[in-house]
Amino acid sequence: MSTTENVIEHPSLGEGLDGLFDEIRPYEPEEMQQAFNDMLDDRQFNVIMKGFVPWLPKSVRNGLLRIAFTGVKTPLDFQKRFMKPVVKYIIRKHTDGCTLDDSSLAKLNQRFTFVSNHRDIVLDSAFLDVLLFEAGFPTTVEIGIGDNLLIYPWIKRLVRMNKAFTVRRGLTPKEMLRSSQLMSSYIHYAVTQKQENIWIAQREGRAKDSDDRTQDAVLKMLAMGGDLSELNIVPLTISYEYDPCDYLKAQEFQQKRDNPAFKKSRQDDLDNMKTGIFGYKGRVHYHCAAPINTWIDELKELPKKEFFAAVAERMDQEIHRHYRLYPCNYIALDMLEGQSSNNNHYTEADRQRFEHYLSGQLAKIDIPNKDDAFLRQCILNMYANPLRNYLREK
């Protein structure tokens, strides 16, 4: 069967964009300098920069940034000049190492669409960019980022300079259909004609309980703009030893339990971004499974509805069986089950360290009617679920 549900025809090579993707795409090279100048003129951006180097006057600070921007022509140049050193600093400062197993991927003459589980709003794709650089890939990834996070103009400019395209949130069903069609067509255009890699999460938002499942809707969206096979989709597993946002996710679970109408504020999203970036993550590992093109033809005779469900299930199997598991995953499952059947995977020192970590994270939660037992179980489930999924695929 064909997986194409093409509604918006993307332009052929040579026709140009003609404005079709202007509302969502990253900046083009000719737009970079103006976007950078506008960002330097932004009052809120300058407040942020002053926080990093309060002893430097604005004129000096921005002058240094302009000098550093010299020679930056494309979003990839921007990543190399500005983002790569920042992300490598975060890896050194806030992780115990970040690694990539890319043995299934050819490094040359092919572009990929990485569809992964989602742990951190900012760093999942940023870490991947650095890992691809270091593995010898000629380019990084364009990423989909929800417009709910682009709450200030300078943030929107920054992410568009950093190879991000916009995923619109909070739309009516009719608007959502149009937005999905446009985004899908752009992704196909980016992979097949711009020769870019793409990173996109397997579902809308993060799986806050770390029970990672690919949404059929994501695959259906990807198929709107062309056949899935032309995207070279790679199931990507991201494994964090510690999730610095675990206590914020647990807190949200209780807030939604106590008030089903609860919704995070924009400030909550910013707090999650800041905590995820600057919090301790322990060891971080990425594993690329074989592209789905190596097996998708086995499912081509299925009816369309069953086809997308089967592809999602197979992708989940690939993501789950390639988790990098850490002592905390085994400890969490044993603590939930009140036993020690997995104690061959950790030491008593590991257990004491995790219990100390858990107590510290729970202490950070400050909400009315704080339910410690419920919050503790929520966090333990976040660490146990990757192991549960892995064991099901053994």
Protein backbone atom coordinates (compact mmCIF):
# COMPACT_ATOMS: atom_id res chain seq x y z
CA MET A 1 0.00 0.00 0.00
CA SER A 2 1.05 3.59 -0.44
CA THR A 3 1.52 5.56 2.75
CA THR A 4 0.93 8.83 0.95
CA GLU A 5 -1.89 11.13 2.01
CA ASN A 6 -0.58 14.07 0.04
CA VAL A 7 -2.72 17.19 0.37
CA ILE A 8 -0.23 20.02 -0.07
CA GLU A 9 2.10 19.58 -3.01
CA HIS A 10 5.60 20.63 -2.02
CA PRO A 11 7.49 22.45 -4.75
CA SER A 12 9.88 20.62 -7.00
CA LEU A 13 13.57 21.36 -6.80
CA GLY A 14 14.26 24.63 -8.57
CA GLU A 15 10.84 26.15 -7.97
CA GLY A 16 11.87 27.51 -4.57
CA LEU A 17 9.71 27.88 -1.50
CA ASP A 18 7.62 30.74 -2.89
CA GLY A 19 6.52 31.55 0.63
CA LEU A 20 4.74 28.24 1.15
CA PHE A 21 6.60 27.36 4.34
CA ASP A 22 7.46 30.85 5.56
CA GLU A 23 5.25 30.66 8.65
CA ILE A 24 6.99 27.58 10.05
CA ARG A 25 10.45 27.06 8.52
CA PRO A 26 13.90 27.96 9.92
CA TYR A 27 15.56 31.09 8.62
CA GLU A 28 17.09 31.11 5.17
CA PRO A 29 20.72 32.31 4.87
CA GLU A 30 19.70 35.76 3.62
CA GLU A 31 17.55 36.27 6.75
CA MET A 32 20.16 35.39 9.35
CA GLN A 33 21.87 38.76 9.76
CA GLN A 34 18.62 40.69 10.21
CA ALA A 35 17.29 38.13 12.68
CA PHE A 36 20.52 38.39 14.69
CA ASN A 37 20.36 42.20 14.70
CA ASP A 38 16.72 42.12 15.82
CA MET A 39 17.60 39.74 18.64
CA LEU A 40 20.39 42.02 19.88
CA ASP A 41 17.92 44.92 19.90
CA ASP A 42 15.38 42.96 21.94
CA ARG A 43 15.03 44.26 25.52
CA GLN A 44 14.21 40.88 27.06
CA PHE A 45 17.15 39.21 25.31
CA ASN A 46 19.45 41.85 26.73
CA VAL A 47 18.11 41.25 30.22
CA ILE A 48 18.98 37.56 29.83
CA MET A 49 22.47 38.33 28.51
CA LYS A 50 23.10 40.79 31.34
CA GLY A 51 22.45 37.96 33.78
CA PHE A 52 25.36 36.01 32.31
CA VAL A 53 27.88 38.87 32.22
CA PRO A 54 26.54 41.63 34.50
CA TRP A 55 29.89 43.44 34.57
CA LEU A 56 29.84 44.15 30.81
CA PRO A 57 27.94 47.19 29.46
CA LYS A 58 25.32 46.40 26.83
CA SER A 59 27.32 48.09 24.06
CA VAL A 60 30.41 46.01 24.81
CA ARG A 61 28.46 42.79 25.23
CA ASN A 62 26.56 43.18 21.97
CA GLY A 63 29.70 44.33 20.20
CA LEU A 64 31.42 41.09 21.16
CA LEU A 65 28.43 39.09 19.96
CA ARG A 66 28.51 40.91 16.61
CA ILE A 67 32.18 40.08 16.23
CA ALA A 68 31.48 36.44 17.06
CA PHE A 69 28.71 36.40 14.44
CA THR A 70 31.12 37.44 11.68
CA GLY A 71 31.14 34.80 8.97
CA VAL A 72 27.91 33.14 10.11
CA LYS A 73 25.83 32.76 6.96
CA THR A 74 23.53 29.80 7.63
CA PRO A 75 21.72 28.16 10.56
CA LEU A 76 24.35 25.38 10.43
CA ASP A 77 27.10 28.02 10.78
CA PHE A 78 25.21 29.42 13.77
CA GLN A 79 25.07 26.01 15.40
CA LYS A 80 28.78 25.46 14.90
CA ARG A 81 29.78 28.91 16.14
CA PHE A 82 27.39 29.39 19.05
CA MET A 83 25.37 26.31 19.95
CA LYS A 84 27.94 23.53 19.72
CA PRO A 85 30.28 25.01 22.38
CA VAL A 86 27.32 25.82 24.65
CA VAL A 87 25.91 22.28 24.41
CA LYS A 88 29.34 20.71 24.93
CA TYR A 89 29.69 22.84 28.06
CA ILE A 90 26.31 21.55 29.30
CA ILE A 91 27.46 17.98 28.65
CA ARG A 92 30.66 18.56 30.65
CA LYS A 93 28.97 20.46 33.47
CA HIS A 94 25.61 18.72 33.87
CA THR A 95 26.08 15.12 32.69
CA ASP A 96 28.47 12.25 33.29
CA GLY A 97 28.92 11.82 29.55
CA CYS A 98 26.76 11.72 26.44
CA THR A 99 27.28 8.90 23.91
CA LEU A 100 25.86 7.71 20.60
CA ASP A 101 25.62 4.21 19.13
CA ASP A 102 25.18 4.96 15.44
CA SER A 103 26.33 1.58 14.09
CA SER A 104 23.15 1.13 12.04
CA LEU A 105 23.56 4.35 10.04
CA ALA A 106 25.56 5.06 6.92
CA LYS A 107 27.38 8.33 7.47
CA LEU A 108 27.39 9.58 3.91
CA ASN A 109 24.96 10.42 1.09
CA GLN A 110 21.76 9.97 3.04
CA ARG A 111 19.51 12.03 5.29
CA PHE A 112 17.31 10.73 8.08
CA THR A 113 14.18 11.59 10.02
CA PHE A 114 14.90 10.69 13.63
CA VAL A 115 11.70 9.84 15.54
CA SER A 116 12.51 9.42 19.21
CA ASN A 117 11.21 9.17 22.71
CA HIS A 118 11.29 12.58 24.37
CA ARG A 119 12.94 13.40 27.68
CA ASP A 120 14.03 17.05 27.58
CA ILE A 121 12.35 19.98 25.81
CA VAL A 122 15.59 21.55 24.63
CA LEU A 123 18.44 19.08 24.98
CA ASP A 124 17.14 15.94 23.24
CA SER A 125 17.82 17.45 19.82
CA ALA A 126 20.73 19.66 20.95
CA PHE A 127 22.69 16.66 22.26
CA LEU A 128 21.92 14.82 19.02
CA ASP A 129 23.36 17.68 16.98
CA VAL A 130 26.68 17.52 18.83
CA LEU A 131 26.78 13.72 18.63
CA LEU A 132 26.18 13.81 14.86
CA PHE A 133 28.97 16.37 14.44
CA GLU A 134 31.34 14.16 16.40
CA ALA A 135 30.29 11.02 14.47
CA GLY A 136 31.27 12.67 11.21
CA PHE A 137 27.86 13.58 9.84
CA PRO A 138 28.01 16.57 7.45
CA THR A 139 24.97 18.27 8.97
CA THR A 140 22.77 18.24 12.06
CA VAL A 141 18.96 18.09 12.40
CA GLU A 142 16.12 20.47 11.86
CA ILE A 143 13.75 20.15 14.80
CA GLY A 144 10.05 20.60 15.40
CA ILE A 145 9.34 22.82 18.41
CA GLY A 146 5.90 23.72 19.77
CA ASP A 147 4.91 27.36 19.47
CA ASN A 148 3.72 27.22 23.09
CA LEU A 149 7.41 27.48 24.04
CA LEU A 150 8.07 30.50 21.83
CA ILE A 151 6.66 32.96 24.32
CA TYR A 152 9.04 35.82 23.56
CA PRO A 153 10.08 37.16 20.13
CA TRP A 154 13.77 36.62 20.90
CA ILE A 155 13.17 32.92 21.66
CA LYS A 156 11.38 32.49 18.34
CA ARG A 157 14.24 34.19 16.49
CA LEU A 158 16.84 32.14 18.32
CA VAL A 159 15.26 28.76 17.57
CA ARG A 160 14.69 29.64 13.91
CA MET A 161 18.37 30.55 13.66
CA ASN A 162 19.07 27.15 15.25
CA LYS A 163 17.34 25.09 12.50
CA ALA A 164 13.93 24.81 14.19
CA PHE A 165 10.58 24.70 12.45
CA THR A 166 7.40 25.55 14.31
CA VAL A 167 4.76 23.06 15.43
CA ARG A 168 1.56 24.93 16.14
CA ARG A 169 -0.40 24.02 19.28
CA GLY A 170 -3.90 24.77 20.61
CA LEU A 171 -5.66 24.80 17.24
CA THR A 172 -9.20 23.99 16.17
CA PRO A 173 -9.60 20.64 14.35
CA LYS A 174 -9.76 22.42 10.98
CA GLU A 175 -6.67 24.50 11.76
CA MET A 176 -4.86 21.42 13.05
CA LEU A 177 -5.48 19.56 9.77
CA ARG A 178 -4.09 22.43 7.74
CA SER A 179 -1.11 22.82 10.09
CA SER A 180 -0.33 19.09 9.95
CA GLN A 181 -0.49 19.09 6.15
CA LEU A 182 1.86 22.05 5.95
CA MET A 183 4.34 20.63 8.45
CA SER A 184 4.38 17.23 6.76
CA SER A 185 5.02 18.78 3.36
CA TYR A 186 7.82 20.86 4.84
CA ILE A 187 9.46 17.80 6.43
CA HIS A 188 9.40 15.94 3.11
CA TYR A 189 10.78 19.02 1.36
CA ALA A 190 13.56 19.39 3.96
CA VAL A 191 14.69 15.76 3.71
CA THR A 192 14.37 15.18 -0.02
CA GLN A 193 15.28 18.59 -1.45
CA LYS A 194 17.09 20.63 1.20
CA GLN A 195 19.03 17.47 2.13
CA GLU A 196 18.48 18.04 5.85
CA ASN A 197 18.01 15.59 8.70
CA ILE A 198 14.89 15.97 10.85
CA TRP A 199 14.30 15.25 14.53
CA ILE A 200 10.75 14.91 15.82
CA ALA A 201 9.30 13.41 18.99
CA GLN A 202 7.28 10.20 18.74
CA ARG A 203 4.30 11.94 20.36
CA GLU A 204 3.04 15.40 21.16
CA GLY A 205 4.79 16.44 24.35
CA ARG A 206 6.90 14.27 26.62
CA ALA A 207 5.76 10.97 28.11
CA LYS A 208 5.87 12.25 31.68
CA ASP A 209 5.82 8.72 33.11
CA SER A 210 8.57 7.59 30.65
CA ASP A 211 6.24 4.95 29.16
CA ASP A 212 7.29 5.81 25.63
CA ARG A 213 4.74 5.12 22.88
CA THR A 214 4.68 6.30 19.27
CA GLN A 215 1.41 8.02 18.39
CA ASP A 216 -0.23 6.82 15.19
CA ALA A 217 -1.11 10.47 14.57
CA VAL A 218 2.57 11.40 14.24
CA LEU A 219 3.08 8.79 11.52
CA LYS A 220 -0.12 9.82 9.76
CA MET A 221 1.07 13.42 9.82
CA LEU A 222 4.41 12.41 8.31
CA ALA A 223 2.58 10.53 5.55
CA MET A 224 0.45 13.53 4.52
CA GLY A 225 3.31 15.10 2.56
CA GLY A 226 4.57 12.00 0.77
CA ASP A 227 5.51 8.36 1.21
CA LEU A 228 7.03 7.47 4.57
CA SER A 229 9.88 5.60 2.89
CA GLU A 230 11.38 8.77 1.41
CA LEU A 231 11.92 10.16 4.91
CA ASN A 232 14.36 7.39 5.96
CA ILE A 233 12.76 7.26 9.41
CA VAL A 234 15.09 6.09 12.19
CA PRO A 235 13.64 5.05 15.58
CA LEU A 236 15.92 6.75 18.10
CA THR A 237 16.19 5.78 21.77
CA ILE A 238 17.24 8.45 24.28
CA SER A 239 18.24 7.25 27.75
CA TYR A 240 18.90 9.67 30.62
CA GLU A 241 20.18 8.22 33.87
CA TYR A 242 18.48 11.00 35.83
CA ASP A 243 15.74 13.34 34.68
CA PRO A 244 16.15 16.71 36.43
CA CYS A 245 12.49 17.50 35.65
CA ASP A 246 11.19 14.34 37.33
CA TYR A 247 9.89 16.23 40.37
CA LEU A 248 8.17 18.83 38.15
CA LYS A 249 6.46 16.05 36.20
CA ALA A 250 5.36 14.35 39.44
CA GLN A 251 4.07 17.68 40.71
CA GLU A 252 2.01 18.09 37.54
CA PHE A 253 0.59 14.58 37.98
CA GLN A 254 -0.75 15.55 41.42
CA GLN A 255 -2.01 18.93 40.21
CA LYS A 256 -3.97 17.23 37.44
CA ARG A 257 -5.19 14.54 39.82
CA ASP A 258 -6.48 17.14 42.27
CA ASN A 259 -7.81 19.46 39.56
CA PRO A 260 -8.56 17.79 36.20
CA ALA A 261 -8.79 21.24 34.59
CA PHE A 262 -5.23 22.16 35.60
CA LYS A 263 -3.01 23.46 32.80
CA LYS A 264 0.61 24.51 32.98
CA SER A 265 1.38 28.19 32.54
CA ARG A 266 3.96 29.61 30.16
CA GLN A 267 6.15 30.21 33.18
CA ASP A 268 5.85 26.50 34.02
CA ASP A 269 7.17 25.68 30.54
CA LEU A 270 10.10 28.05 31.04
CA ASP A 271 10.84 26.51 34.44
CA ASN A 272 10.88 23.05 32.83
CA MET A 273 13.26 24.26 30.13
CA LYS A 274 15.63 25.87 32.65
CA THR A 275 15.57 22.87 35.01
CA GLY A 276 16.15 20.44 32.15
CA ILE A 277 19.13 22.37 30.83
CA PHE A 278 20.92 23.09 34.10
CA GLY A 279 19.89 20.05 36.16
CA TYR A 280 22.04 16.96 36.68
CA LYS A 281 21.35 14.19 34.18
CA GLY A 282 23.98 11.58 34.96
CA ARG A 283 24.84 9.45 31.94
CA VAL A 284 23.04 10.07 28.64
CA HIS A 285 22.97 7.64 25.72
CA TYR A 286 21.50 7.69 22.21
CA HIS A 287 20.89 4.58 20.11
CA CYS A 288 19.82 4.61 16.46
CA ALA A 289 17.88 1.56 15.30
CA ALA A 290 17.91 0.49 11.67
CA PRO A 291 15.76 2.74 9.44
CA ILE A 292 12.19 1.52 9.11
CA ASN A 293 12.77 1.16 5.36
CA THR A 294 14.55 -2.10 6.17
CA TRP A 295 11.26 -3.66 7.30
CA ILE A 296 8.32 -1.44 6.37
CA ASP A 297 7.56 -3.39 3.18
CA GLU A 298 6.59 -6.36 5.37
CA LEU A 299 3.53 -4.33 6.42
CA LYS A 300 2.54 -2.84 3.07
CA GLU A 301 -0.46 -5.14 2.50
CA LEU A 302 -2.20 -4.05 5.72
CA PRO A 303 -5.23 -1.74 5.58
CA LYS A 304 -4.23 1.88 6.19
CA LYS A 305 -5.48 2.08 9.78
CA GLU A 306 -3.77 -1.16 10.74
CA PHE A 307 -0.64 -0.15 8.83
CA PHE A 308 0.07 2.94 10.93
CA ALA A 309 -0.67 1.07 14.17
CA ALA A 310 1.69 -1.73 13.13
CA VAL A 311 4.48 0.69 12.18
CA ALA A 312 4.10 2.50 15.51
CA GLU A 313 4.22 -0.80 17.43
CA ARG A 314 7.34 -1.95 15.57
CA MET A 315 9.03 1.40 16.20
CA ASP A 316 8.20 1.13 19.88
CA GLN A 317 9.80 -2.31 20.01
CA GLU A 318 12.98 -0.87 18.49
CA ILE A 319 13.01 2.09 20.90
CA HIS A 320 12.32 -0.08 23.96
CA ARG A 321 14.88 -2.78 23.29
CA HIS A 322 17.64 -0.22 22.83
CA TYR A 323 17.24 1.59 26.15
CA ARG A 324 20.50 2.07 28.02
CA LEU A 325 19.50 0.96 31.53
CA TYR A 326 21.12 2.24 34.71
CA PRO A 327 21.08 1.06 38.34
CA CYS A 328 18.30 3.54 39.17
CA ASN A 329 15.94 1.82 36.72
CA TYR A 330 16.37 -1.54 38.47
CA ILE A 331 16.22 0.01 41.94
CA ALA A 332 12.99 1.87 41.13
CA LEU A 333 11.27 -1.29 39.93
CA ASP A 334 12.38 -3.24 43.01
CA MET A 335 11.18 -0.42 45.29
CA LEU A 336 7.77 -0.38 43.61
CA GLU A 337 7.43 -4.15 43.83
CA GLY A 338 8.79 -4.35 47.40
CA GLN A 339 11.45 -6.88 46.49
CA SER A 340 15.06 -7.17 45.38
CA SER A 341 14.85 -9.47 42.36
CA ASN A 342 16.97 -7.09 40.26
CA ASN A 343 19.70 -6.52 42.84
CA ASN A 344 22.31 -8.13 40.62
CA HIS A 345 22.18 -4.90 38.58
CA TYR A 346 23.06 -2.54 41.43
CA THR A 347 25.00 -2.31 44.68
CA GLU A 348 23.88 -1.19 48.11
CA ALA A 349 25.76 2.05 47.49
CA ASP A 350 23.74 2.53 44.27
CA ARG A 351 20.53 2.03 46.22
CA GLN A 352 21.49 4.50 48.95
CA ARG A 353 22.50 7.06 46.34
CA PHE A 354 19.17 6.74 44.53
CA GLU A 355 17.16 6.96 47.75
CA HIS A 356 19.08 10.13 48.66
CA TYR A 357 18.41 11.54 45.19
CA LEU A 358 14.71 10.65 45.41
CA SER A 359 14.34 12.36 48.79
CA GLY A 360 16.04 15.47 47.45
CA GLN A 361 13.76 15.67 44.42
CA LEU A 362 10.61 15.20 46.49
CA ALA A 363 11.75 17.97 48.83
CA LYS A 364 11.73 20.42 45.91
CA ILE A 365 7.97 20.05 45.44
CA ASP A 366 5.99 22.80 47.13
CA ILE A 367 2.26 22.58 46.40
CA PRO A 368 -0.90 22.61 48.53
CA ASN A 369 -1.92 19.24 50.00
CA LYS A 370 1.36 17.66 48.99
CA ASP A 371 0.85 13.88 48.72
CA ASP A 372 4.32 12.45 49.35
CA ALA A 373 3.34 8.81 48.78
CA PHE A 374 1.68 9.61 45.44
CA LEU A 375 4.56 11.83 44.29
CA ARG A 376 7.13 9.21 45.27
CA GLN A 377 5.29 6.55 43.27
CA CYS A 378 5.10 8.88 40.25
CA ILE A 379 8.86 9.41 40.23
CA LEU A 380 9.60 5.72 40.78
CA ASN A 381 7.37 4.85 37.82
CA MET A 382 9.33 7.27 35.62
CA TYR A 383 12.48 5.26 36.30
CA ALA A 384 10.86 1.81 36.29
CA ASN A 385 8.89 2.11 33.04
CA PRO A 386 11.89 2.00 30.67
CA LEU A 387 12.96 -1.25 32.35
CA ARG A 388 9.43 -2.65 32.15
CA ASN A 389 9.29 -1.88 28.43
CA TYR A 390 12.76 -3.31 27.85
CA LEU A 391 11.91 -6.56 29.63
CA ARG A 392 8.79 -6.99 27.49
CA GLU A 393 10.96 -6.88 24.35
CA LYS A 394 13.62 -9.34 25.56
